[in-house]
Full PDB file with SEQRES, HELIX, SHEET, SSBOND, CRYST1, ORIGX, SCALE, CONECT and MASTER records, all heavy atoms in Angstrom:
SEQRES   1 A   41  THR LYS ARG ARG ALA LEU GLY ILE PRO THR VAL LYS ASP          
SEQRES   2 A   41  ARG VAL VAL GLN SER ALA ALA ALA ILE VAL LEU GLN PRO          
SEQRES   3 A   41  ILE TRP GLU ALA ASP PHE HIS ASP HIS SER TYR ALA TYR          
SEQRES   4 A   41  ARG PRO                                                      
HELIX    1 AA1 VAL A   11  GLU A   29  1                                  19    
CRYST1    1.000    1.000    1.000  90.00  90.00  90.00 P 1           1          
ORIGX1      1.000000  0.000000  0.000000        0.00000                         
ORIGX2      0.000000  1.000000  0.000000        0.00000                         
ORIGX3      0.000000  0.000000  1.000000        0.00000                         
SCALE1      1.000000  0.000000  0.000000        0.00000                         
SCALE2      0.000000  1.000000  0.000000        0.00000                         
SCALE3      0.000000  0.000000  1.000000        0.00000                         
ATOM      1  N   THR A   1      68.217 -27.313  57.067  1.00  0.00           N  
ATOM      2  CA  THR A   1      68.498 -28.739  57.222  1.00  0.00           C  
ATOM      3  C   THR A   1      67.806 -29.571  56.161  1.00  0.00           C  
ATOM      4  O   THR A   1      68.280 -30.640  55.822  1.00  0.00           O  
ATOM      5  CB  THR A   1      68.047 -29.234  58.608  1.00  0.00           C  
ATOM      6  OG1 THR A   1      66.650 -28.927  58.774  1.00  0.00           O  
ATOM      7  CG2 THR A   1      68.847 -28.557  59.709  1.00  0.00           C  
ATOM      8  N   LYS A   2      66.686 -29.101  55.648  1.00  0.00           N  
ATOM      9  CA  LYS A   2      65.951 -29.854  54.635  1.00  0.00           C  
ATOM     10  C   LYS A   2      66.334 -29.362  53.254  1.00  0.00           C  
ATOM     11  O   LYS A   2      66.586 -28.181  53.047  1.00  0.00           O  
ATOM     12  CB  LYS A   2      64.441 -29.707  54.828  1.00  0.00           C  
ATOM     13  CG  LYS A   2      63.943 -30.313  56.113  1.00  0.00           C  
ATOM     14  CD  LYS A   2      62.444 -30.152  56.227  1.00  0.00           C  
ATOM     15  CE  LYS A   2      61.950 -30.706  57.546  1.00  0.00           C  
ATOM     16  NZ  LYS A   2      60.507 -30.517  57.695  1.00  0.00           N  
ATOM     17  N   ARG A   3      66.361 -30.318  52.304  1.00  0.00           N  
ATOM     18  CA  ARG A   3      66.702 -29.959  50.926  1.00  0.00           C  
ATOM     19  C   ARG A   3      65.518 -30.240  50.017  1.00  0.00           C  
ATOM     20  O   ARG A   3      64.771 -31.181  50.217  1.00  0.00           O  
ATOM     21  CB  ARG A   3      67.898 -30.787  50.443  1.00  0.00           C  
ATOM     22  CG  ARG A   3      69.125 -30.578  51.256  1.00  0.00           C  
ATOM     23  CD  ARG A   3      70.306 -31.367  50.747  1.00  0.00           C  
ATOM     24  NE  ARG A   3      69.974 -32.700  50.291  1.00  0.00           N  
ATOM     25  CZ  ARG A   3      70.705 -33.403  49.439  1.00  0.00           C  
ATOM     26  NH1 ARG A   3      71.820 -32.912  48.959  1.00  0.00           N  
ATOM     27  NH2 ARG A   3      70.342 -34.611  49.074  1.00  0.00           N  
ATOM     28  N   ARG A   4      65.371 -29.420  48.986  1.00  0.00           N  
ATOM     29  CA  ARG A   4      64.337 -29.616  47.969  1.00  0.00           C  
ATOM     30  C   ARG A   4      65.044 -29.878  46.648  1.00  0.00           C  
ATOM     31  O   ARG A   4      65.944 -29.144  46.257  1.00  0.00           O  
ATOM     32  CB  ARG A   4      63.463 -28.382  47.854  1.00  0.00           C  
ATOM     33  CG  ARG A   4      62.515 -28.445  46.643  1.00  0.00           C  
ATOM     34  CD  ARG A   4      61.595 -27.266  46.554  1.00  0.00           C  
ATOM     35  NE  ARG A   4      60.591 -27.406  47.599  1.00  0.00           N  
ATOM     36  CZ  ARG A   4      60.128 -26.402  48.318  1.00  0.00           C  
ATOM     37  NH1 ARG A   4      60.564 -25.197  48.146  1.00  0.00           N  
ATOM     38  NH2 ARG A   4      59.199 -26.613  49.236  1.00  0.00           N  
ATOM     39  N   ALA A   5      64.599 -30.931  45.976  1.00  0.00           N  
ATOM     40  CA  ALA A   5      65.170 -31.253  44.671  1.00  0.00           C  
ATOM     41  C   ALA A   5      64.536 -30.362  43.609  1.00  0.00           C  
ATOM     42  O   ALA A   5      63.324 -30.191  43.570  1.00  0.00           O  
ATOM     43  CB  ALA A   5      64.912 -32.720  44.334  1.00  0.00           C  
ATOM     44  N   LEU A   6      65.368 -29.779  42.769  1.00  0.00           N  
ATOM     45  CA  LEU A   6      64.906 -29.016  41.618  1.00  0.00           C  
ATOM     46  C   LEU A   6      65.372 -29.726  40.359  1.00  0.00           C  
ATOM     47  O   LEU A   6      66.466 -30.287  40.328  1.00  0.00           O  
ATOM     48  CB  LEU A   6      65.480 -27.594  41.626  1.00  0.00           C  
ATOM     49  CG  LEU A   6      65.036 -26.650  42.716  1.00  0.00           C  
ATOM     50  CD1 LEU A   6      65.690 -25.289  42.516  1.00  0.00           C  
ATOM     51  CD2 LEU A   6      63.527 -26.509  42.746  1.00  0.00           C  
ATOM     52  N   GLY A   7      64.565 -29.689  39.335  1.00  0.00           N  
ATOM     53  CA  GLY A   7      64.940 -30.232  38.036  1.00  0.00           C  
ATOM     54  C   GLY A   7      65.166 -29.081  37.079  1.00  0.00           C  
ATOM     55  O   GLY A   7      64.261 -28.282  36.836  1.00  0.00           O  
ATOM     56  N   ILE A   8      66.364 -28.977  36.548  1.00  0.00           N  
ATOM     57  CA  ILE A   8      66.706 -27.863  35.668  1.00  0.00           C  
ATOM     58  C   ILE A   8      66.699 -28.354  34.216  1.00  0.00           C  
ATOM     59  O   ILE A   8      67.600 -29.076  33.800  1.00  0.00           O  
ATOM     60  CB  ILE A   8      68.098 -27.288  36.005  1.00  0.00           C  
ATOM     61  CG1 ILE A   8      68.252 -27.014  37.504  1.00  0.00           C  
ATOM     62  CG2 ILE A   8      68.384 -26.045  35.165  1.00  0.00           C  
ATOM     63  CD1 ILE A   8      67.313 -25.987  38.062  1.00  0.00           C  
ATOM     64  N   PRO A   9      65.675 -27.983  33.445  1.00  0.00           N  
ATOM     65  CA  PRO A   9      65.647 -28.374  32.036  1.00  0.00           C  
ATOM     66  C   PRO A   9      66.620 -27.527  31.215  1.00  0.00           C  
ATOM     67  O   PRO A   9      67.032 -26.450  31.647  1.00  0.00           O  
ATOM     68  CB  PRO A   9      64.209 -28.094  31.594  1.00  0.00           C  
ATOM     69  CG  PRO A   9      63.508 -27.477  32.733  1.00  0.00           C  
ATOM     70  CD  PRO A   9      64.488 -27.254  33.843  1.00  0.00           C  
ATOM     71  N   THR A  10      66.932 -28.001  30.032  1.00  0.00           N  
ATOM     72  CA  THR A  10      67.791 -27.239  29.131  1.00  0.00           C  
ATOM     73  C   THR A  10      67.038 -26.004  28.623  1.00  0.00           C  
ATOM     74  O   THR A  10      65.812 -25.916  28.745  1.00  0.00           O  
ATOM     75  CB  THR A  10      68.217 -28.086  27.916  1.00  0.00           C  
ATOM     76  OG1 THR A  10      67.043 -28.451  27.190  1.00  0.00           O  
ATOM     77  CG2 THR A  10      68.994 -29.329  28.340  1.00  0.00           C  
ATOM     78  N   VAL A  11      67.769 -25.078  28.042  1.00  0.00           N  
ATOM     79  CA  VAL A  11      67.160 -23.872  27.476  1.00  0.00           C  
ATOM     80  C   VAL A  11      66.126 -24.270  26.422  1.00  0.00           C  
ATOM     81  O   VAL A  11      65.002 -23.748  26.403  1.00  0.00           O  
ATOM     82  CB  VAL A  11      68.234 -22.939  26.874  1.00  0.00           C  
ATOM     83  CG1 VAL A  11      67.595 -21.790  26.108  1.00  0.00           C  
ATOM     84  CG2 VAL A  11      69.164 -22.422  27.962  1.00  0.00           C  
ATOM     85  N   LYS A  12      66.496 -25.208  25.558  1.00  0.00           N  
ATOM     86  CA  LYS A  12      65.574 -25.644  24.498  1.00  0.00           C  
ATOM     87  C   LYS A  12      64.277 -26.170  25.107  1.00  0.00           C  
ATOM     88  O   LYS A  12      63.178 -25.815  24.670  1.00  0.00           O  
ATOM     89  CB  LYS A  12      66.221 -26.737  23.650  1.00  0.00           C  
ATOM     90  CG  LYS A  12      65.312 -27.227  22.528  1.00  0.00           C  
ATOM     91  CD  LYS A  12      65.873 -28.452  21.832  1.00  0.00           C  
ATOM     92  CE  LYS A  12      66.967 -28.093  20.874  1.00  0.00           C  
ATOM     93  NZ  LYS A  12      67.364 -29.237  20.021  1.00  0.00           N  
ATOM     94  N   ASP A  13      64.392 -27.001  26.134  1.00  0.00           N  
ATOM     95  CA  ASP A  13      63.194 -27.561  26.761  1.00  0.00           C  
ATOM     96  C   ASP A  13      62.370 -26.479  27.453  1.00  0.00           C  
ATOM     97  O   ASP A  13      61.135 -26.503  27.404  1.00  0.00           O  
ATOM     98  CB  ASP A  13      63.570 -28.660  27.750  1.00  0.00           C  
ATOM     99  CG  ASP A  13      64.141 -29.890  27.053  1.00  0.00           C  
ATOM    100  OD1 ASP A  13      63.901 -30.065  25.841  1.00  0.00           O  
ATOM    101  OD2 ASP A  13      64.843 -30.674  27.731  1.00  0.00           O  
ATOM    102  N   ARG A  14      63.038 -25.483  28.061  1.00  0.00           N  
ATOM    103  CA  ARG A  14      62.291 -24.395  28.702  1.00  0.00           C  
ATOM    104  C   ARG A  14      61.534 -23.559  27.679  1.00  0.00           C  
ATOM    105  O   ARG A  14      60.424 -23.098  27.951  1.00  0.00           O  
ATOM    106  CB  ARG A  14      63.225 -23.518  29.533  1.00  0.00           C  
ATOM    107  CG  ARG A  14      63.569 -24.174  30.865  1.00  0.00           C  
ATOM    108  CD  ARG A  14      64.368 -23.259  31.737  1.00  0.00           C  
ATOM    109  NE  ARG A  14      65.771 -23.372  31.348  1.00  0.00           N  
ATOM    110  CZ  ARG A  14      66.689 -22.438  31.543  1.00  0.00           C  
ATOM    111  NH1 ARG A  14      66.376 -21.298  32.100  1.00  0.00           N  
ATOM    112  NH2 ARG A  14      67.926 -22.635  31.173  1.00  0.00           N  
ATOM    113  N   VAL A  15      62.115 -23.360  26.506  1.00  0.00           N  
ATOM    114  CA  VAL A  15      61.432 -22.593  25.462  1.00  0.00           C  
ATOM    115  C   VAL A  15      60.174 -23.333  25.009  1.00  0.00           C  
ATOM    116  O   VAL A  15      59.085 -22.744  24.914  1.00  0.00           O  
ATOM    117  CB  VAL A  15      62.382 -22.315  24.273  1.00  0.00           C  
ATOM    118  CG1 VAL A  15      61.614 -21.790  23.069  1.00  0.00           C  
ATOM    119  CG2 VAL A  15      63.472 -21.327  24.688  1.00  0.00           C  
ATOM    120  N   VAL A  16      60.294 -24.627  24.761  1.00  0.00           N  
ATOM    121  CA  VAL A  16      59.137 -25.405  24.309  1.00  0.00           C  
ATOM    122  C   VAL A  16      58.099 -25.494  25.423  1.00  0.00           C  
ATOM    123  O   VAL A  16      56.891 -25.364  25.179  1.00  0.00           O  
ATOM    124  CB  VAL A  16      59.565 -26.808  23.818  1.00  0.00           C  
ATOM    125  CG1 VAL A  16      58.353 -27.614  23.369  1.00  0.00           C  
ATOM    126  CG2 VAL A  16      60.564 -26.690  22.673  1.00  0.00           C  
ATOM    127  N   GLN A  17      58.550 -25.691  26.656  1.00  0.00           N  
ATOM    128  CA  GLN A  17      57.611 -25.742  27.779  1.00  0.00           C  
ATOM    129  C   GLN A  17      56.889 -24.406  27.957  1.00  0.00           C  
ATOM    130  O   GLN A  17      55.688 -24.379  28.258  1.00  0.00           O  
ATOM    131  CB  GLN A  17      58.343 -26.114  29.071  1.00  0.00           C  
ATOM    132  CG  GLN A  17      58.774 -27.562  29.131  1.00  0.00           C  
ATOM    133  CD  GLN A  17      59.514 -27.885  30.416  1.00  0.00           C  
ATOM    134  OE1 GLN A  17      59.524 -27.111  31.374  1.00  0.00           O  
ATOM    135  NE2 GLN A  17      60.133 -29.056  30.453  1.00  0.00           N  
ATOM    136  N   SER A  18      57.584 -23.313  27.745  1.00  0.00           N  
ATOM    137  CA  SER A  18      56.951 -21.988  27.857  1.00  0.00           C  
ATOM    138  C   SER A  18      55.863 -21.817  26.811  1.00  0.00           C  
ATOM    139  O   SER A  18      54.779 -21.293  27.106  1.00  0.00           O  
ATOM    140  CB  SER A  18      57.992 -20.874  27.708  1.00  0.00           C  
ATOM    141  OG  SER A  18      58.889 -20.885  28.786  1.00  0.00           O  
ATOM    142  N   ALA A  19      56.143 -22.266  25.597  1.00  0.00           N  
ATOM    143  CA  ALA A  19      55.132 -22.180  24.533  1.00  0.00           C  
ATOM    144  C   ALA A  19      53.913 -23.029  24.888  1.00  0.00           C  
ATOM    145  O   ALA A  19      52.760 -22.588  24.727  1.00  0.00           O  
ATOM    146  CB  ALA A  19      55.731 -22.618  23.203  1.00  0.00           C  
ATOM    147  N   ALA A  20      54.153 -24.230  25.397  1.00  0.00           N  
ATOM    148  CA  ALA A  20      53.043 -25.100  25.799  1.00  0.00           C  
ATOM    149  C   ALA A  20      52.260 -24.476  26.950  1.00  0.00           C  
ATOM    150  O   ALA A  20      51.024 -24.520  26.968  1.00  0.00           O  
ATOM    151  CB  ALA A  20      53.570 -26.482  26.185  1.00  0.00           C  
ATOM    152  N   ALA A  21      52.957 -23.883  27.900  1.00  0.00           N  
ATOM    153  CA  ALA A  21      52.284 -23.256  29.046  1.00  0.00           C  
ATOM    154  C   ALA A  21      51.376 -22.114  28.595  1.00  0.00           C  
ATOM    155  O   ALA A  21      50.276 -21.945  29.134  1.00  0.00           O  
ATOM    156  CB  ALA A  21      53.312 -22.763  30.059  1.00  0.00           C  
ATOM    157  N   ILE A  22      51.819 -21.339  27.613  1.00  0.00           N  
ATOM    158  CA  ILE A  22      51.002 -20.236  27.098  1.00  0.00           C  
ATOM    159  C   ILE A  22      49.697 -20.779  26.511  1.00  0.00           C  
ATOM    160  O   ILE A  22      48.624 -20.204  26.707  1.00  0.00           O  
ATOM    161  CB  ILE A  22      51.788 -19.420  26.051  1.00  0.00           C  
ATOM    162  CG1 ILE A  22      52.894 -18.621  26.746  1.00  0.00           C  
ATOM    163  CG2 ILE A  22      50.859 -18.509  25.249  1.00  0.00           C  
ATOM    164  CD1 ILE A  22      53.916 -18.014  25.787  1.00  0.00           C  
ATOM    165  N   VAL A  23      49.784 -21.904  25.820  1.00  0.00           N  
ATOM    166  CA  VAL A  23      48.598 -22.510  25.210  1.00  0.00           C  
ATOM    167  C   VAL A  23      47.696 -23.144  26.271  1.00  0.00           C  
ATOM    168  O   VAL A  23      46.468 -23.046  26.206  1.00  0.00           O  
ATOM    169  CB  VAL A  23      49.017 -23.564  24.158  1.00  0.00           C  
ATOM    170  CG1 VAL A  23      47.825 -24.366  23.665  1.00  0.00           C  
ATOM    171  CG2 VAL A  23      49.730 -22.891  22.995  1.00  0.00           C  
ATOM    172  N   LEU A  24      48.302 -23.796  27.267  1.00  0.00           N  
ATOM    173  CA  LEU A  24      47.528 -24.547  28.256  1.00  0.00           C  
ATOM    174  C   LEU A  24      46.969 -23.694  29.394  1.00  0.00           C  
ATOM    175  O   LEU A  24      45.965 -24.064  30.012  1.00  0.00           O  
ATOM    176  CB  LEU A  24      48.394 -25.665  28.846  1.00  0.00           C  
ATOM    177  CG  LEU A  24      48.812 -26.753  27.858  1.00  0.00           C  
ATOM    178  CD1 LEU A  24      49.835 -27.683  28.499  1.00  0.00           C  
ATOM    179  CD2 LEU A  24      47.603 -27.522  27.364  1.00  0.00           C  
ATOM    180  N   GLN A  25      47.601 -22.556  29.682  1.00  0.00           N  
ATOM    181  CA  GLN A  25      47.191 -21.730  30.825  1.00  0.00           C  
ATOM    182  C   GLN A  25      45.696 -21.406  30.853  1.00  0.00           C  
ATOM    183  O   GLN A  25      45.058 -21.557  31.899  1.00  0.00           O  
ATOM    184  CB  GLN A  25      48.013 -20.437  30.849  1.00  0.00           C  
ATOM    185  CG  GLN A  25      47.767 -19.586  32.077  1.00  0.00           C  
ATOM    186  CD  GLN A  25      48.432 -20.130  33.316  1.00  0.00           C  
ATOM    187  OE1 GLN A  25      49.556 -20.574  33.255  1.00  0.00           O  
ATOM    188  NE2 GLN A  25      47.734 -20.117  34.421  1.00  0.00           N  
ATOM    189  N   PRO A  26      45.074 -20.988  29.750  1.00  0.00           N  
ATOM    190  CA  PRO A  26      43.641 -20.681  29.813  1.00  0.00           C  
ATOM    191  C   PRO A  26      42.781 -21.904  30.156  1.00  0.00           C  
ATOM    192  O   PRO A  26      41.731 -21.764  30.790  1.00  0.00           O  
ATOM    193  CB  PRO A  26      43.314 -20.177  28.402  1.00  0.00           C  
ATOM    194  CG  PRO A  26      44.619 -19.759  27.826  1.00  0.00           C  
ATOM    195  CD  PRO A  26      45.657 -20.636  28.451  1.00  0.00           C  
ATOM    196  N   ILE A  27      43.219 -23.071  29.755  1.00  0.00           N  
ATOM    197  CA  ILE A  27      42.474 -24.299  30.073  1.00  0.00           C  
ATOM    198  C   ILE A  27      42.480 -24.525  31.579  1.00  0.00           C  
ATOM    199  O   ILE A  27      41.444 -24.786  32.197  1.00  0.00           O  
ATOM    200  CB  ILE A  27      43.074 -25.511  29.325  1.00  0.00           C  
ATOM    201  CG1 ILE A  27      42.921 -25.324  27.820  1.00  0.00           C  
ATOM    202  CG2 ILE A  27      42.432 -26.820  29.795  1.00  0.00           C  
ATOM    203  CD1 ILE A  27      43.709 -26.307  26.980  1.00  0.00           C  
ATOM    204  N   TRP A  28      43.682 -24.418  32.188  1.00  0.00           N  
ATOM    205  CA  TRP A  28      43.780 -24.661  33.636  1.00  0.00           C  
ATOM    206  C   TRP A  28      43.071 -23.554  34.415  1.00  0.00           C  
ATOM    207  O   TRP A  28      42.449 -23.813  35.444  1.00  0.00           O  
ATOM    208  CB  TRP A  28      45.231 -24.742  34.086  1.00  0.00           C  
ATOM    209  CG  TRP A  28      46.094 -25.690  33.317  1.00  0.00           C  
ATOM    210  CD1 TRP A  28      47.374 -25.459  32.917  1.00  0.00           C  
ATOM    211  CD2 TRP A  28      45.780 -27.006  32.846  1.00  0.00           C  
ATOM    212  NE1 TRP A  28      47.860 -26.547  32.232  1.00  0.00           N  
ATOM    213  CE2 TRP A  28      46.899 -27.508  32.170  1.00  0.00           C  
ATOM    214  CE3 TRP A  28      44.646 -27.809  32.920  1.00  0.00           C  
ATOM    215  CZ2 TRP A  28      46.937 -28.765  31.586  1.00  0.00           C  
ATOM    216  CZ3 TRP A  28      44.673 -29.064  32.328  1.00  0.00           C  
ATOM    217  CH2 TRP A  28      45.804 -29.526  31.680  1.00  0.00           C  
ATOM    218  N   GLU A  29      43.180 -22.320  33.937  1.00  0.00           N  
ATOM    219  CA  GLU A  29      42.572 -21.191  34.644  1.00  0.00           C  
ATOM    220  C   GLU A  29      41.075 -21.402  34.837  1.00  0.00           C  
ATOM    221  O   GLU A  29      40.515 -21.010  35.860  1.00  0.00           O  
ATOM    222  CB  GLU A  29      42.813 -19.886  33.888  1.00  0.00           C  
ATOM    223  CG  GLU A  29      44.137 -19.233  34.179  1.00  0.00           C  
ATOM    224  CD  GLU A  29      44.304 -18.841  35.639  1.00  0.00           C  
ATOM    225  OE1 GLU A  29      43.413 -18.200  36.228  1.00  0.00           O  
ATOM    226  OE2 GLU A  29      45.346 -19.193  36.204  1.00  0.00           O  
ATOM    227  N   ALA A  30      40.425 -22.009  33.861  1.00  0.00           N  
ATOM    228  CA  ALA A  30      38.982 -22.238  33.959  1.00  0.00           C  
ATOM    229  C   ALA A  30      38.637 -23.188  35.104  1.00  0.00           C  
ATOM    230  O   ALA A  30      37.517 -23.169  35.613  1.00  0.00           O  
ATOM    231  CB  ALA A  30      38.455 -22.802  32.636  1.00  0.00           C  
ATOM    232  N   ASP A  31      39.588 -24.007  35.522  1.00  0.00           N  
ATOM    233  CA  ASP A  31      39.336 -25.007  36.566  1.00  0.00           C  
ATOM    234  C   ASP A  31      39.792 -24.583  37.960  1.00  0.00           C  
ATOM    235  O   ASP A  31      39.359 -25.169  38.952  1.00  0.00           O  
ATOM    236  CB  ASP A  31      40.050 -26.321  36.217  1.00  0.00           C  
ATOM    237  CG  ASP A  31      39.481 -26.979  34.976  1.00  0.00           C  
ATOM    238  OD1 ASP A  31      38.322 -26.690  34.618  1.00  0.00           O  
ATOM    239  OD2 ASP A  31      40.188 -27.792  34.367  1.00  0.00           O  
ATOM    240  N   PHE A  32      40.667 -23.615  38.055  1.00  0.00           N  
ATOM    241  CA  PHE A  32      41.244 -23.260  39.349  1.00  0.00           C  
ATOM    242  C   PHE A  32      40.220 -22.579  40.254  1.00  0.00           C  
ATOM    243  O   PHE A  32      39.365 -21.821  39.801  1.00  0.00           O  
ATOM    244  CB  PHE A  32      42.445 -22.331  39.180  1.00  0.00           C  
ATOM    245  CG  PHE A  32      43.669 -23.015  38.667  1.00  0.00           C  
ATOM    246  CD1 PHE A  32      44.554 -22.330  37.856  1.00  0.00           C  
ATOM    247  CD2 PHE A  32      43.962 -24.331  38.987  1.00  0.00           C  
ATOM    248  CE1 PHE A  32      45.699 -22.940  37.379  1.00  0.00           C  
ATOM    249  CE2 PHE A  32      45.104 -24.949  38.511  1.00  0.00           C  
ATOM    250  CZ  PHE A  32      45.970 -24.255  37.705  1.00  0.00           C  
ATOM    251  N   HIS A  33      40.354 -22.840  41.532  1.00  0.00           N  
ATOM    252  CA  HIS A  33      39.519 -22.192  42.546  1.00  0.00           C  
ATOM    253  C   HIS A  33      39.886 -20.714  42.613  1.00  0.00           C  
ATOM    254  O   HIS A  33      41.046 -20.340  42.462  1.00  0.00           O  
ATOM    255  CB  HIS A  33      39.754 -22.874  43.902  1.00  0.00           C  
ATOM    256  CG  HIS A  33      38.775 -22.459  44.934  1.00  0.00           C  
ATOM    257  ND1 HIS A  33      38.858 -21.261  45.598  1.00  0.00           N  
ATOM    258  CD2 HIS A  33      37.670 -23.080  45.412  1.00  0.00           C  
ATOM    259  CE1 HIS A  33      37.857 -21.160  46.454  1.00  0.00           C  
ATOM    260  NE2 HIS A  33      37.124 -22.250  46.364  1.00  0.00           N  
ATOM    261  N   ASP A  34      38.885 -19.894  42.856  1.00  0.00           N  
ATOM    262  CA  ASP A  34      39.097 -18.445  42.891  1.00  0.00           C  
ATOM    263  C   ASP A  34      40.090 -18.021  43.972  1.00  0.00           C  
ATOM    264  O   ASP A  34      40.740 -16.996  43.849  1.00  0.00           O  
ATOM    265  CB  ASP A  34      37.757 -17.727  43.097  1.00  0.00           C  
ATOM    266  CG  ASP A  34      37.877 -16.243  42.844  1.00  0.00           C  
ATOM    267  OD1 ASP A  34      38.505 -15.862  41.830  1.00  0.00           O  
ATOM    268  OD2 ASP A  34      37.359 -15.458  43.665  1.00  0.00           O  
ATOM    269  N   HIS A  35      40.220 -18.816  45.020  1.00  0.00           N  
ATOM    270  CA  HIS A  35      41.126 -18.463  46.114  1.00  0.00           C  
ATOM    271  C   HIS A  35      42.474 -19.171  46.000  1.00  0.00           C  
ATOM    272  O   HIS A  35      43.219 -19.260  46.969  1.00  0.00           O  
ATOM    273  CB  HIS A  35      40.483 -18.762  47.466  1.00  0.00           C  
ATOM    274  CG  HIS A  35      39.261 -17.942  47.716  1.00  0.00           C  
ATOM    275  ND1 HIS A  35      39.285 -16.565  47.826  1.00  0.00           N  
ATOM    276  CD2 HIS A  35      37.960 -18.294  47.842  1.00  0.00           C  
ATOM    277  CE1 HIS A  35      38.069 -16.116  48.016  1.00  0.00           C  
ATOM    278  NE2 HIS A  35      37.249 -17.140  48.030  1.00  0.00           N  
ATOM    279  N   SER A  36      42.803 -19.670  44.821  1.00  0.00           N  
ATOM    280  CA  SER A  36      44.105 -20.285  44.562  1.00  0.00           C  
ATOM    281  C   SER A  36      45.006 -19.215  43.939  1.00  0.00           C  
ATOM    282  O   SER A  36      44.627 -18.581  42.958  1.00  0.00           O  
ATOM    283  CB  SER A  36      43.931 -21.468  43.605  1.00  0.00           C  
ATOM    284  OG  SER A  36      45.172 -21.970  43.218  1.00  0.00           O  
ATOM    285  N   TYR A  37      46.193 -19.033  44.513  1.00  0.00           N  
ATOM    286  CA  TYR A  37      47.059 -17.941  44.070  1.00  0.00           C  
ATOM    287  C   TYR A  37      48.383 -18.403  43.458  1.00  0.00           C  
ATOM    288  O   TYR A  37      49.006 -17.650  42.718  1.00  0.00           O  
ATOM    289  CB  TYR A  37      47.346 -16.991  45.237  1.00  0.00           C  
ATOM    290  CG  TYR A  37      46.123 -16.220  45.647  1.00  0.00           C  
ATOM    291  CD1 TYR A  37      45.242 -16.733  46.583  1.00  0.00           C  
ATOM    292  CD2 TYR A  37      45.827 -15.004  45.066  1.00  0.00           C  
ATOM    293  CE1 TYR A  37      44.093 -16.041  46.940  1.00  0.00           C  
ATOM    294  CE2 TYR A  37      44.689 -14.295  45.409  1.00  0.00           C  
ATOM    295  CZ  TYR A  37      43.824 -14.829  46.351  1.00  0.00           C  
ATOM    296  OH  TYR A  37      42.700 -14.139  46.683  1.00  0.00           O  
ATOM    297  N   ALA A  38      48.816 -19.583  43.777  1.00  0.00           N  
ATOM    298  CA  ALA A  38      50.158 -20.017  43.365  1.00  0.00           C  
ATOM    299  C   ALA A  38      50.252 -20.240  41.861  1.00  0.00           C  
ATOM    300  O   ALA A  38      49.390 -20.875  41.256  1.00  0.00           O  
ATOM    301  CB  ALA A  38      50.536 -21.298  44.101  1.00  0.00           C  
ATOM    302  N   TYR A  39      51.316 -19.706  41.270  1.00  0.00           N  
ATOM    303  CA  TYR A  39      51.672 -19.946  39.868  1.00  0.00           C  
ATOM    304  C   TYR A  39      50.569 -19.575  38.892  1.00  0.00           C  
ATOM    305  O   TYR A  39      50.340 -20.262  37.899  1.00  0.00           O  
ATOM    306  CB  TYR A  39      52.087 -21.412  39.663  1.00  0.00           C  
ATOM    307  CG  TYR A  39      53.131 -21.846  40.645  1.00  0.00           C  
ATOM    308  CD1 TYR A  39      52.807 -22.679  41.705  1.00  0.00           C  
ATOM    309  CD2 TYR A  39      54.439 -21.394  40.532  1.00  0.00           C  
ATOM    310  CE1 TYR A  39      53.774 -23.061  42.622  1.00  0.00           C  
ATOM    311  CE2 TYR A  39      55.403 -21.773  41.439  1.00  0.00           C  
ATOM    312  CZ  TYR A  39      55.062 -22.605  42.479  1.00  0.00           C  
ATOM    313  OH  TYR A  39      56.012 -22.967  43.387  1.00  0.00           O  
ATOM    314  N   ARG A  40      49.866 -18.496  39.175  1.00  0.00           N  
ATOM    315  CA  ARG A  40      48.800 -18.062  38.294  1.00  0.00           C  
ATOM    316  C   ARG A  40      49.052 -16.636  37.837  1.00  0.00           C  
ATOM    317  O   ARG A  40      49.569 -15.824  38.592  1.00  0.00           O  
ATOM    318  CB  ARG A  40      47.453 -18.143  39.023  1.00  0.00           C  
ATOM    319  CG  ARG A  40      47.090 -19.589  39.342  1.00  0.00           C  
ATOM    320  CD  ARG A  40      45.773 -19.698  40.032  1.00  0.00           C  
ATOM    321  NE  ARG A  40      44.689 -19.234  39.183  1.00  0.00           N  
ATOM    322  CZ  ARG A  40      43.456 -19.039  39.649  1.00  0.00           C  
ATOM    323  NH1 ARG A  40      43.169 -19.251  40.908  1.00  0.00           N  
ATOM    324  NH2 ARG A  40      42.513 -18.622  38.833  1.00  0.00           N  
ATOM    325  N   PRO A  41      48.653 -16.338  36.596  1.00  0.00           N  
ATOM    326  CA  PRO A  41      48.857 -14.976  36.103  1.00  0.00           C  
ATOM    327  C   PRO A  41      48.016 -13.980  36.903  1.00  0.00           C  
ATOM    328  O   PRO A  41      46.897 -14.280  37.305  1.00  0.00           O  
ATOM    329  CB  PRO A  41      48.401 -15.045  34.643  1.00  0.00           C  
ATOM    330  CG  PRO A  41      47.596 -16.274  34.517  1.00  0.00           C  
ATOM    331  CD  PRO A  41      48.006 -17.205  35.620  1.00  0.00           C  
TER     332      PRO A  41                                                      
MASTER        0    0    0    1    0    0    0    6  331    1    0    4          
END                                                                             
């Protein structure tokens, strides 16, 4: 009964976002709580 909105970026935007995520991931990892599991390598 409930709907969740998803935003679908273009392929080009996903490629650039993926590159940015690779660069930014180590920065965020240093801040995350040890018991946080979602969306982490």
